Protein backbone atom coordinates (compact mmCIF):
# COMPACT_ATOMS: atom_id res chain seq x y z
CA MET A 1 10.61 12.50 12.20
CA LYS A 2 10.66 9.24 10.27
CA PHE A 3 7.36 7.36 9.99
CA ALA A 4 6.35 3.92 8.79
CA VAL A 5 2.68 3.31 7.98
CA LEU A 6 0.77 0.02 8.22
CA ILE A 7 -2.62 -0.29 6.51
CA ASN A 8 -4.77 -3.29 7.43
CA GLU A 9 -8.06 -2.39 5.72
CA GLY A 10 -9.13 -2.19 2.11
CA PRO A 11 -10.39 0.85 0.27
CA TYR A 12 -14.11 1.63 0.19
CA THR A 13 -14.92 -0.71 3.11
CA HIS A 14 -13.24 1.10 5.98
CA GLN A 15 -12.05 4.63 6.75
CA ALA A 16 -8.52 3.36 7.48
CA SER A 17 -7.31 3.57 3.87
CA ASP A 18 -8.46 7.17 3.46
CA SER A 19 -7.05 8.17 6.84
CA ALA A 20 -3.71 6.52 6.10
CA TYR A 21 -3.46 8.26 2.74
CA HIS A 22 -4.20 11.69 4.24
CA PHE A 23 -1.83 11.08 7.15
CA THR A 24 1.00 9.99 4.84
CA LYS A 25 0.44 12.94 2.51
CA ALA A 26 0.41 15.38 5.44
CA CYS A 27 3.65 13.92 6.82
CA LEU A 28 5.37 14.30 3.48
CA ASP A 29 3.95 17.80 2.92
CA LYS A 30 5.32 18.87 6.33
CA GLY A 31 8.80 17.57 5.46
CA HIS A 32 8.78 14.37 7.48
CA ASP A 33 10.24 11.16 6.08
CA VAL A 34 8.03 8.15 5.39
CA PHE A 35 10.30 5.12 5.35
CA ARG A 36 7.68 2.71 4.02
CA VAL A 37 3.95 2.15 3.64
CA PHE A 38 3.07 -1.51 4.23
CA PHE A 39 -0.27 -2.95 3.13
CA TYR A 40 -1.39 -6.03 5.04
CA ASN A 41 -4.55 -8.16 5.34
CA ASP A 42 -7.37 -6.49 3.37
CA GLY A 43 -5.15 -3.43 3.02
CA VAL A 44 -3.47 -5.15 0.06
CA ASN A 45 -6.61 -4.36 -1.94
CA ASN A 46 -5.33 -0.77 -2.16
CA GLY A 47 -2.69 -2.09 -4.54
CA THR A 48 -4.75 -3.56 -7.38
CA ARG A 49 -4.74 -1.72 -10.69
CA LEU A 50 -8.17 -3.15 -11.54
CA THR A 51 -10.10 -0.86 -9.18
CA VAL A 52 -12.60 1.26 -11.11
CA PRO A 53 -14.51 3.52 -8.72
CA PRO A 54 -17.41 5.66 -10.01
CA GLN A 55 -16.37 8.97 -11.58
CA ASP A 56 -17.73 10.98 -8.67
CA ASP A 57 -15.84 8.93 -6.06
CA ARG A 58 -12.23 9.14 -4.93
CA ASN A 59 -9.73 6.74 -6.50
CA LEU A 60 -7.51 5.63 -3.64
CA GLN A 61 -5.29 3.40 -5.75
CA LYS A 62 -4.58 6.32 -8.11
CA ASN A 63 -3.98 8.63 -5.13
CA TRP A 64 -1.45 6.20 -3.62
CA THR A 65 0.28 5.73 -6.98
CA GLU A 66 0.60 9.49 -7.53
CA LEU A 67 1.87 10.02 -3.98
CA ALA A 68 4.49 7.30 -4.45
CA GLU A 69 5.66 8.81 -7.74
CA LYS A 70 5.86 12.34 -6.35
CA HIS A 71 7.78 11.38 -3.19
CA ASP A 72 9.61 8.20 -4.26
CA LEU A 73 7.60 6.37 -1.61
CA ASP A 74 8.25 2.68 -0.89
CA MET A 75 4.82 0.98 -0.89
CA VAL A 76 4.92 -2.73 -0.09
CA VAL A 77 2.06 -5.20 -0.38
CA CYS A 78 2.37 -8.35 1.78
CA ILE A 79 2.88 -11.32 -0.52
CA ALA A 80 0.85 -13.84 1.51
CA ALA A 81 -2.10 -11.48 1.99
CA ALA A 82 -1.94 -10.45 -1.67
CA GLN A 83 -1.94 -14.02 -2.98
CA ARG A 84 -4.97 -14.86 -0.84
CA ARG A 85 -6.79 -11.97 -2.47
CA GLY A 86 -5.62 -12.54 -6.04
CA ILE A 87 -3.16 -9.65 -6.26
CA LEU A 88 -0.03 -10.57 -8.18
CA ASP A 89 2.92 -8.84 -9.77
CA GLU A 90 4.42 -10.10 -13.02
CA ASN A 91 6.89 -12.47 -11.33
CA GLU A 92 4.32 -13.99 -8.96
CA ALA A 93 1.78 -14.41 -11.77
CA ARG A 94 4.36 -16.32 -13.80
CA ARG A 95 5.48 -18.38 -10.78
CA GLN A 96 1.87 -19.29 -9.94
CA GLY A 97 0.98 -20.14 -13.55
CA LYS A 98 -1.42 -17.22 -13.95
CA ASP A 99 -1.85 -15.38 -17.24
CA ALA A 100 -1.93 -11.82 -15.86
CA ASP A 101 -0.81 -9.57 -13.06
CA ASN A 102 -2.76 -6.76 -11.42
CA ILE A 103 -0.43 -4.87 -9.11
CA ALA A 104 -0.83 -1.11 -9.48
CA PRO A 105 2.07 1.16 -10.43
CA GLY A 106 4.07 2.31 -7.43
CA PHE A 107 3.33 -0.82 -5.37
CA ARG A 108 5.61 -3.81 -4.93
CA ILE A 109 5.09 -7.23 -3.40
CA SER A 110 7.33 -8.51 -0.62
CA GLY A 111 7.22 -10.29 2.73
CA LEU A 112 6.61 -9.39 6.36
CA GLY A 113 10.33 -8.79 6.84
CA GLN A 114 9.74 -5.45 5.13
CA LEU A 115 7.26 -4.52 7.88
CA VAL A 116 9.72 -5.55 10.60
CA GLU A 117 12.47 -3.48 8.95
CA ALA A 118 10.13 -0.48 8.72
CA GLY A 119 9.26 -0.76 12.41
CA ILE A 120 12.94 -0.81 13.32
CA ALA A 121 14.05 1.98 10.96
CA ALA A 122 11.23 4.43 11.70
CA ASP A 123 10.76 6.59 14.77
CA ARG A 124 7.05 5.73 14.74
CA LEU A 125 5.00 2.94 13.17
CA VAL A 126 1.46 4.23 12.69
CA VAL A 127 -1.23 1.58 12.20
CA PHE A 128 -4.54 2.15 10.38
CA GLY A 129 -7.28 -0.46 10.70
CA ASP A 130 -7.82 -3.49 12.89
């Protein structure tokens, strides 16, 4: 089965990010295809490389990055939601006149069209968070 995953909540404030990560990992481990993981609203906060959780806590950004590398996973952060929350890739930082970017490895910034495409291409779109 081919899944697409939508994450609407940020890490450390809601269970949705953890649940989405474990769901996606389980799908991939069982041999299913994950067409795309789309981060929207506060979910874009999963994609910042500046997260520094305590040593005894899980590091969701690192977990997502490692999962993407291992499975060649397409992880898309919504551009409008990301800009509202100060998350930029190199091109957007330059375009907005900012001196730095903070998108984590394995994530990319794009628009809502990527979510629409994922919903069409996948057998199931699974949503985590409100």
